[in-house]
Protein backbone atom coordinates (compact mmCIF):
# COMPACT_ATOMS: atom_id res chain seq x y z
CA MET A 1 0.00 0.00 0.00
CA THR A 2 1.37 3.40 -0.96
CA ALA A 3 1.26 5.97 1.80
CA HIS A 4 -0.19 9.30 0.76
CA PRO A 5 1.09 12.51 2.31
CA GLN A 6 -1.42 14.04 4.71
CA GLN A 7 -3.36 16.83 3.05
CA ALA A 8 -2.86 20.23 4.59
CA PRO A 9 -5.98 21.36 6.45
CA ALA A 10 -8.04 24.20 5.05
CA PRO A 11 -7.60 27.58 6.76
CA PRO A 12 -9.67 27.82 9.98
CA LEU A 13 -12.23 30.20 8.47
CA ALA A 14 -12.32 28.77 4.95
CA GLY A 15 -15.87 28.98 3.62
CA VAL A 16 -16.86 31.98 5.75
CA ARG A 17 -18.03 34.85 3.55
CA ILE A 18 -18.29 38.40 4.89
CA ILE A 19 -19.78 41.41 3.11
CA GLU A 20 -18.21 44.52 4.56
CA CYS A 21 -19.21 48.17 4.25
CA SER A 22 -16.46 50.11 5.96
CA MET A 23 -14.67 53.42 6.19
CA LEU A 24 -11.28 54.12 7.78
CA GLY A 25 -9.84 52.17 10.72
CA PRO A 26 -12.95 50.21 11.81
CA ALA A 27 -12.39 48.09 8.69
CA ALA A 28 -9.90 46.24 10.90
CA VAL A 29 -12.85 44.30 12.37
CA THR A 30 -12.40 41.75 9.59
CA SER A 31 -8.61 41.95 9.21
CA ALA A 32 -7.95 39.14 11.67
CA LEU A 33 -10.67 37.05 10.02
CA VAL A 34 -9.10 37.49 6.56
CA ASP A 35 -5.79 36.32 7.97
CA LEU A 36 -7.55 33.16 9.15
CA GLY A 37 -8.99 32.42 5.72
CA ALA A 38 -12.35 34.19 5.66
CA GLU A 39 -13.47 35.68 2.34
CA VAL A 40 -14.18 39.39 2.77
CA VAL A 41 -15.85 41.42 0.03
CA LYS A 42 -15.49 45.12 0.76
CA VAL A 43 -18.45 46.92 -0.81
CA GLU A 44 -17.50 50.53 -1.48
CA PRO A 45 -19.32 53.58 -2.83
CA PRO A 46 -18.10 54.86 -6.21
CA GLN A 47 -15.69 57.31 -4.55
CA GLY A 48 -14.23 54.51 -2.39
CA ASP A 49 -13.06 54.41 1.19
CA TYR A 50 -11.11 57.64 1.70
CA GLY A 51 -8.95 55.82 4.25
CA ARG A 52 -6.63 55.25 1.30
CA ARG A 53 -5.63 58.91 1.60
CA MET A 54 -6.03 59.34 5.37
CA THR A 55 -3.21 59.74 7.91
CA TRP A 56 0.47 58.97 7.45
CA PRO A 57 2.59 57.44 6.11
CA ILE A 58 1.47 57.48 2.49
CA VAL A 59 3.26 54.69 0.65
CA GLU A 60 3.48 55.31 -3.09
CA GLY A 61 0.14 57.14 -3.01
CA THR A 62 -1.74 54.86 -0.62
CA SER A 63 -1.93 55.06 3.16
CA LEU A 64 -0.35 52.39 5.31
CA LEU A 65 -3.68 52.34 7.18
CA HIS A 66 -5.46 51.04 4.09
CA LEU A 67 -2.67 48.69 3.09
CA HIS A 68 -2.77 47.06 6.52
CA VAL A 69 -6.44 46.89 7.57
CA ASN A 70 -7.77 46.00 4.12
CA ARG A 71 -5.15 43.48 3.06
CA GLY A 72 -6.57 40.25 1.73
CA LYS A 73 -9.99 41.74 0.93
CA ARG A 74 -11.67 42.16 -2.44
CA SER A 75 -13.25 45.47 -3.43
CA VAL A 76 -16.60 45.79 -5.18
CA VAL A 77 -18.11 49.16 -6.11
CA LEU A 78 -21.87 49.41 -5.64
CA ASP A 79 -23.85 52.62 -5.57
CA LEU A 80 -26.43 51.93 -2.87
CA ARG A 81 -28.26 55.09 -3.86
CA THR A 82 -29.60 53.19 -6.85
CA PRO A 83 -32.25 50.46 -6.69
CA GLU A 84 -30.07 48.29 -8.91
CA GLY A 85 -27.15 48.65 -6.50
CA ILE A 86 -29.40 47.72 -3.59
CA ALA A 87 -30.62 44.64 -5.47
CA VAL A 88 -27.06 43.44 -6.14
CA PHE A 89 -26.10 44.06 -2.51
CA LYS A 90 -29.00 41.89 -1.33
CA GLU A 91 -27.93 39.12 -3.69
CA LEU A 92 -24.44 39.20 -2.20
CA VAL A 93 -25.84 39.12 1.34
CA ALA A 94 -28.08 36.16 0.53
CA GLY A 95 -25.00 33.99 0.02
CA ALA A 96 -22.96 35.42 2.90
CA ASP A 97 -22.53 34.52 6.57
CA VAL A 98 -21.82 37.99 7.93
CA VAL A 99 -22.44 41.63 7.08
CA VAL A 100 -20.19 44.24 8.69
CA GLU A 101 -21.17 47.90 8.94
CA ALA A 102 -17.95 49.62 9.97
CA MET A 103 -19.03 53.24 10.08
CA ARG A 104 -21.56 55.35 11.97
CA PRO A 105 -24.44 53.06 12.98
CA GLY A 106 -27.52 53.17 10.81
CA GLY A 107 -25.73 53.87 7.54
CA LEU A 108 -27.07 50.75 5.87
CA GLU A 109 -30.50 51.22 7.44
CA ARG A 110 -30.77 54.61 5.77
CA ARG A 111 -30.10 52.89 2.45
CA GLY A 112 -32.86 50.38 3.06
CA VAL A 113 -30.52 47.46 3.78
CA GLY A 114 -30.39 47.43 7.57
CA TYR A 115 -30.38 44.26 9.64
CA ARG A 116 -34.16 43.66 9.62
CA ARG A 117 -34.39 44.06 5.85
CA LEU A 118 -31.42 41.79 5.25
CA LEU A 119 -32.92 39.05 7.44
CA GLU A 120 -35.59 38.74 4.78
CA VAL A 121 -32.98 37.48 2.32
CA ASN A 122 -30.78 35.66 4.87
CA PRO A 123 -32.50 34.62 8.13
CA ARG A 124 -29.28 33.29 9.71
CA LEU A 125 -27.30 36.43 9.01
CA VAL A 126 -24.78 37.76 11.53
CA PHE A 127 -24.82 41.56 11.31
CA CYS A 128 -22.08 43.50 13.12
CA THR A 129 -22.00 47.28 13.45
CA ILE A 130 -18.76 48.80 14.74
CA SER A 131 -18.63 52.52 15.40
CA GLY A 132 -17.15 55.12 17.72
CA TYR A 133 -19.67 55.27 20.56
CA GLY A 134 -22.10 52.56 19.54
CA ALA A 135 -25.74 52.66 18.47
CA THR A 136 -27.13 53.76 21.85
CA GLY A 137 -26.33 56.34 24.53
CA PRO A 138 -26.10 60.15 24.42
CA TYR A 139 -22.91 60.14 22.29
CA ARG A 140 -24.21 57.79 19.57
CA ASP A 141 -24.41 60.58 16.96
CA LEU A 142 -21.31 62.46 18.10
CA PRO A 143 -18.74 62.64 15.26
CA SER A 144 -15.35 61.32 16.29
CA HIS A 145 -12.00 59.84 15.32
CA GLY A 146 -9.81 57.17 16.86
CA ILE A 147 -8.09 59.00 19.71
CA ALA A 148 -11.48 60.15 21.03
CA TYR A 149 -12.19 56.67 22.40
CA ASP A 150 -8.96 56.69 24.41
CA THR A 151 -9.49 60.18 25.80
CA TRP A 152 -13.07 59.21 26.67
CA ALA A 153 -11.86 56.05 28.43
CA GLY A 154 -9.36 57.99 30.56
CA ILE A 155 -6.33 56.47 28.86
CA VAL A 156 -4.66 59.65 27.56
CA THR A 157 -3.05 62.18 29.87
CA PRO A 158 -2.92 65.57 28.09
CA GLY A 159 0.59 66.95 27.58
CA VAL A 160 1.46 70.61 28.14
CA THR A 161 4.28 72.44 26.32
CA GLU A 162 6.58 74.95 27.99
CA ASP A 163 4.51 77.81 26.58
CA GLY A 164 1.29 76.34 27.94
CA HIS A 165 -0.17 74.70 24.84
CA THR A 166 -1.85 71.33 25.40
CA TYR A 167 -1.23 68.40 23.08
CA ILE A 168 -2.04 64.72 22.59
CA SER A 169 0.63 62.82 24.49
CA GLU A 170 2.16 59.72 22.92
CA HIS A 171 0.23 56.57 23.76
CA THR A 172 -0.87 53.34 22.19
CA SER A 173 -4.28 53.70 20.56
CA ILE A 174 -6.49 51.17 22.29
CA GLY A 175 -10.07 51.76 21.13
CA ILE A 176 -9.38 51.54 17.42
CA ASN A 177 -7.48 48.29 17.92
CA ALA A 178 -9.49 46.61 20.67
CA GLY A 179 -12.86 47.44 19.09
CA PRO A 180 -12.16 45.38 15.95
CA LEU A 181 -10.85 42.47 18.03
CA TYR A 182 -13.95 42.41 20.24
CA GLY A 183 -16.00 42.69 17.05
CA ALA A 184 -14.23 39.72 15.49
CA LEU A 185 -14.78 37.71 18.67
CA GLY A 186 -18.49 38.55 18.64
CA ILE A 187 -18.78 37.66 14.96
CA LEU A 188 -17.23 34.24 15.51
CA ALA A 189 -19.42 33.53 18.54
CA ALA A 190 -22.57 34.53 16.66
CA LEU A 191 -21.49 32.56 13.60
CA LEU A 192 -21.05 29.38 15.63
CA ARG A 193 -24.57 29.76 17.00
CA ALA A 194 -26.04 30.62 13.60
CA ARG A 195 -24.58 27.48 12.05
CA GLU A 196 -25.86 25.38 14.93
CA THR A 197 -29.34 26.88 15.26
CA GLY A 198 -30.03 28.88 12.11
CA VAL A 199 -30.57 31.98 14.23
CA GLY A 200 -28.63 35.10 13.27
CA ALA A 201 -27.58 38.01 15.47
CA GLU A 202 -27.15 41.76 15.48
CA ILE A 203 -23.93 42.90 17.17
CA ASP A 204 -23.26 46.48 18.27
CA ILE A 205 -19.58 47.21 18.98
CA ALA A 206 -18.32 50.60 20.20
CA GLN A 207 -14.63 51.37 20.05
CA SER A 208 -15.08 53.53 23.15
CA ASP A 209 -16.58 50.61 25.09
CA SER A 210 -13.67 48.47 23.98
CA ALA A 211 -11.08 50.96 25.21
CA ALA A 212 -12.77 51.05 28.62
CA ALA A 213 -12.98 47.25 28.72
CA VAL A 214 -9.26 46.82 28.02
CA ASP A 215 -8.36 49.36 30.72
CA TRP A 216 -10.77 47.80 33.24
CA LEU A 217 -8.20 47.51 36.04
CA ARG A 218 -7.78 51.24 36.63
CA SER A 219 -11.44 52.22 36.51
CA GLU A 220 -12.51 49.23 38.60
CA THR A 221 -9.74 49.96 41.12
CA TYR A 222 -10.98 53.52 41.57
CA LYS A 223 -14.47 52.14 42.09
CA ALA A 224 -13.20 49.59 44.62
CA TYR A 225 -11.38 52.35 46.51
CA GLU A 226 -14.71 54.09 47.08
CA ARG A 227 -15.42 51.34 49.60
CA PRO A 228 -14.03 51.64 53.16
CA GLU A 229 -10.48 50.46 53.83
CA SER A 230 -11.88 47.79 56.10
CA GLU A 231 -13.17 46.14 52.92
CA VAL A 232 -10.62 47.12 50.22
CA THR A 233 -6.91 47.43 50.97
CA GLY A 234 -3.60 47.35 49.16
CA ASN A 235 -1.31 44.35 48.77
CA ALA A 236 0.04 42.43 51.76
CA ALA A 237 3.58 43.21 50.52
CA ASP A 238 2.82 46.93 50.91
CA GLY A 239 1.48 46.58 54.41
CA TYR A 240 -2.01 46.73 52.89
CA GLN A 241 -1.49 50.39 51.94
CA ARG A 242 -3.44 51.34 48.83
CA ARG A 243 -1.41 52.09 45.72
CA ALA A 244 -2.46 54.26 42.80
CA PRO A 245 -4.42 52.19 40.25
CA GLY A 246 -2.65 50.27 37.49
CA ILE A 247 0.81 51.21 36.27
CA ALA A 248 0.76 54.49 38.23
CA GLY A 249 1.23 52.37 41.33
CA MET A 250 4.52 51.00 39.94
CA LYS A 251 6.46 54.27 40.01
CA GLU A 252 8.13 53.65 43.36
CA GLY A 253 8.74 49.95 42.72
CA VAL A 254 12.27 48.61 43.06
CA ARG A 255 12.18 44.87 42.45
CA TYR A 256 9.74 45.47 39.58
CA GLN A 257 11.22 48.38 37.69
CA ILE A 258 13.01 49.61 34.56
CA TYR A 259 16.78 50.01 34.92
CA ARG A 260 19.37 51.55 32.62
CA THR A 261 22.02 49.22 31.20
CA LYS A 262 25.30 49.93 29.39
CA ASP A 263 23.47 50.42 26.11
CA GLY A 264 19.77 50.80 26.86
CA PHE A 265 17.17 49.63 29.37
CA VAL A 266 15.72 46.41 30.76
CA LEU A 267 12.67 45.63 32.86
CA PHE A 268 13.47 43.78 36.11
CA MET A 269 10.58 41.76 37.58
CA ALA A 270 11.74 39.81 40.64
CA SER A 271 8.56 40.35 42.64
CA GLU A 272 8.40 36.76 43.95
CA ARG A 273 10.73 35.90 46.81
CA SER A 274 12.19 32.83 45.06
CA LEU A 275 13.09 34.84 41.96
CA TRP A 276 14.56 37.63 44.07
CA ARG A 277 16.78 35.05 45.79
CA ASN A 278 17.93 33.77 42.39
CA PHE A 279 18.97 37.27 41.38
CA CYS A 280 20.80 38.10 44.61
CA THR A 281 22.75 34.84 44.51
CA ALA A 282 23.65 35.15 40.82
CA VAL A 283 25.03 38.70 41.12
CA GLY A 284 27.03 37.78 44.20
CA ARG A 285 24.99 39.85 46.62
CA PRO A 286 23.26 37.38 48.97
CA ASP A 287 23.31 40.18 51.54
CA PHE A 288 20.52 41.88 49.61
CA PHE A 289 18.28 38.90 50.23
CA GLU A 290 19.30 38.66 53.86
CA ARG A 291 18.47 42.33 54.48
CA TRP A 292 15.38 42.58 52.30
CA PRO A 293 13.85 39.11 51.76
CA GLY A 294 10.42 40.64 51.18
CA SER A 295 7.05 38.92 51.00
CA GLN A 296 6.57 35.63 49.23
CA TYR A 297 4.57 37.12 46.35
CA GLY A 298 3.98 40.51 44.77
CA ASP A 299 6.74 42.37 46.58
CA HIS A 300 8.19 45.30 44.60
CA ALA A 301 10.19 46.69 47.57
CA ARG A 302 8.32 49.91 46.96
CA GLY A 303 10.08 53.03 48.22
CA ASN A 304 13.34 51.26 49.18
CA THR A 305 15.64 54.01 47.90
CA GLU A 306 18.82 52.36 49.17
CA LEU A 307 18.16 49.13 47.31
CA ARG A 308 17.10 51.00 44.21
CA GLU A 309 20.44 52.81 44.06
CA GLU A 310 22.32 49.55 44.49
CA LEU A 311 20.38 47.93 41.68
CA ARG A 312 20.86 50.98 39.48
CA ASP A 313 24.64 50.54 39.70
CA ILE A 314 24.48 46.77 39.15
CA PHE A 315 22.33 46.97 36.03
CA ALA A 316 24.53 49.72 34.55
CA GLY A 317 27.43 47.25 34.47
CA ARG A 318 26.16 45.02 31.65
CA THR A 319 24.51 45.43 28.26
CA SER A 320 20.84 44.73 27.75
CA ALA A 321 21.63 41.56 25.80
CA GLU A 322 23.86 40.35 28.61
CA TRP A 323 21.05 40.89 31.11
CA ILE A 324 18.58 38.98 28.93
CA ASP A 325 21.04 36.06 28.77
CA PHE A 326 21.51 36.34 32.53
CA GLY A 327 17.77 36.19 33.13
CA GLU A 328 17.36 33.04 31.07
CA ARG A 329 20.38 31.36 32.64
CA GLU A 330 19.57 32.23 36.26
CA ASN A 331 15.76 32.04 36.11
CA VAL A 332 15.25 35.73 36.78
CA PRO A 333 12.51 37.61 34.87
CA ILE A 334 14.23 40.37 32.89
CA ALA A 335 12.70 41.75 29.71
CA PRO A 336 13.95 43.91 26.83
CA VAL A 337 12.69 47.50 26.69
CA ASN A 338 12.13 48.21 23.01
CA THR A 339 10.87 51.16 21.03
CA PRO A 340 8.52 50.71 18.05
CA ARG A 341 11.63 51.04 15.89
CA THR A 342 13.92 48.61 17.73
CA LEU A 343 11.12 46.06 18.17
CA LEU A 344 11.35 45.11 14.50
CA ASP A 345 14.97 44.03 15.01
CA ASP A 346 14.30 42.07 18.19
CA PRO A 347 15.25 38.39 17.73
CA GLN A 348 12.03 37.19 19.39
CA LEU A 349 9.87 39.15 16.97
CA LYS A 350 11.94 38.02 14.01
CA ALA A 351 11.54 34.40 15.07
CA ARG A 352 7.76 34.50 15.59
CA MET A 353 6.45 37.39 13.48
CA PRO A 354 8.69 38.01 10.47
CA LEU A 355 7.44 40.97 8.47
CA LEU A 356 5.26 40.41 5.45
CA PRO A 357 7.27 42.02 2.62
CA LYS A 358 6.52 45.34 0.94
CA GLU A 359 7.01 43.72 -2.45
CA GLU A 360 3.78 41.79 -1.90
CA LEU A 361 1.67 44.08 0.30
CA GLY A 362 2.90 47.55 -0.66
CA ALA A 363 4.51 48.09 2.76
CA ASP A 364 6.30 45.88 5.26
CA GLN A 365 3.63 44.65 7.70
CA LEU A 366 3.40 42.52 10.81
CA PRO A 367 1.55 39.24 10.28
CA THR A 368 -1.28 37.97 12.45
CA PRO A 369 -0.07 36.93 15.91
CA LEU A 370 -2.31 33.84 15.73
CA ARG A 371 -0.38 30.62 15.23
CA PHE A 372 -1.88 27.25 14.38
CA VAL A 373 0.82 24.71 15.18
CA GLY A 374 1.73 22.59 12.19
CA GLU A 375 -0.36 24.72 9.83
CA GLU A 376 0.42 27.53 7.45
CA LEU A 377 -2.15 30.34 7.50
CA PRO A 378 -3.10 32.03 4.21
CA HIS A 379 -0.71 34.64 2.93
CA PRO A 380 -2.76 37.85 2.60
CA ALA A 381 -2.99 39.67 -0.71
CA ARG A 382 -2.38 43.38 -1.14
CA ALA A 383 -5.22 45.70 -0.11
CA PRO A 384 -7.46 46.40 -3.10
CA GLU A 385 -7.91 49.47 -5.23
CA VAL A 386 -11.43 50.88 -5.40
CA GLY A 387 -13.64 48.44 -7.31
CA GLN A 388 -10.70 46.27 -8.30
CA HIS A 389 -12.69 43.04 -8.05
CA THR A 390 -16.19 44.21 -8.98
CA GLU A 391 -16.48 42.24 -12.19
CA ALA A 392 -14.73 39.13 -10.89
CA VAL A 393 -16.82 38.95 -7.70
CA LEU A 394 -20.14 39.49 -9.47
CA ARG A 395 -19.31 36.86 -12.05
CA GLU A 396 -17.98 34.38 -9.52
CA LEU A 397 -20.48 34.77 -6.68
CA LEU A 398 -23.63 35.78 -8.55
CA GLY A 399 -23.06 34.30 -11.98
CA TYR A 400 -23.42 37.59 -13.86
CA ASP A 401 -22.51 37.68 -17.54
CA ASP A 402 -21.36 40.54 -19.76
CA ALA A 403 -24.92 41.61 -20.53
CA ARG A 404 -25.89 41.83 -16.86
CA LEU A 405 -22.75 43.78 -15.99
CA ALA A 406 -23.36 46.19 -18.86
CA GLU A 407 -26.94 46.66 -17.67
CA LEU A 408 -25.74 47.53 -14.15
CA ARG A 409 -23.18 49.99 -15.49
CA SER A 410 -25.80 51.69 -17.58
CA ALA A 411 -28.02 52.04 -14.50
CA GLY A 412 -25.13 53.56 -12.51
CA ALA A 413 -25.16 50.73 -9.96
CA LEU A 414 -21.42 50.18 -10.34
CA GLY A 415 -20.55 53.86 -10.26
CA ALA A 416 -18.30 55.75 -12.61
CA SER A 417 -15.29 54.00 -11.07
CA GLY A 418 -16.65 50.54 -11.77
CA PRO A 419 -14.47 48.35 -13.96
CA ALA A 420 -14.87 48.58 -17.72
CA PRO A 421 -16.14 45.59 -19.69
CA ALA A 422 -13.47 43.06 -20.52
CA GLU A 423 -13.40 43.98 -24.22
CA GLU A 424 -12.99 47.68 -23.42
CA ARG A 425 -10.09 46.91 -21.09
CA GLU A 426 -8.45 44.88 -23.84
CA ARG A 427 -8.75 47.79 -26.29
CA ALA A 428 -7.25 50.15 -23.69
CA LYS A 429 -4.08 48.10 -23.34
């Protein structure tokens, strides 16, 4: 008997079809799903998603934002102001699993293709709206952009220049990244149920909600501190004294702190007694452990200025790479302190997340962090131009022929930017 090589499994989301109407960053709600093999058809108005020209950098005429969040998708132009465009959209939805409305909520409803209408053509449809503040609440109609969700969630501390001008301080944007991830999670949960029961779902995701959810520890800590100290205290290692919420409470830490090295910085994290002993022994200073053994868990030696100065001098004696090697060898948690620039050269990132090349995607991009052991996930295609796949998608998914496409163009359903008939494109070459 001849042994046959095992066939590679299909991508995890192979066979999932998503029709997406999106503008700007919220289009990222399907980016992770594309990377896992879902088919995403991005339905655009004739003028297209202006995210292609929004924010910096602009790479050979197209924004990195568009190149990243829309990679792997196909673009179809449909003018939903026309009855013919609406009819085609409904046909696409009839054969899809999910519709995504990544813009202000109600945009599709105003075009006559909101969730209730679409259920008529697809009763098991999963419909996900992702917007700034969601479809309910007093801010639902408030215009906004990405940083608004972080300022709203209390994540951004305003900076002040020497001459008194305020500015947006550097921070990691949370809402515009967490919102799409929560949206993708909701889509997958609803899709599982729809395939099991035949019952669809309407999902309402707010990027502001998502920013607050990710930063839950600080807001919930403040709420907990409203209770009397007889009920809510600090850590045992701090003598039960309350610290400031979240990372603000780390400022005076010593055994959990950033230290300068010969050539940069490292993060030292010996907050458990056993790990602190490992460090003291390995650097030849067992006296540190004898004087300051600390609590068994969660001890940062907060406020111990004398120890902090000793550690400052010790860490300054080796390079960052030497300290990372030391940490691995001696079982002491020590981490690199990178910048967004140096991260791309870090050996750990290179080993697990090698950049997808600019030659294929228009700009060097990080891949999905999801790893399926023993499997190769699909390699995403370059983000589409406006209407790049209109003809191919309508032929492939709906079976349209040249006559039907010509009819739709004549009616304006494909917009002025819709692709020309095949014979016209041939003559234009």
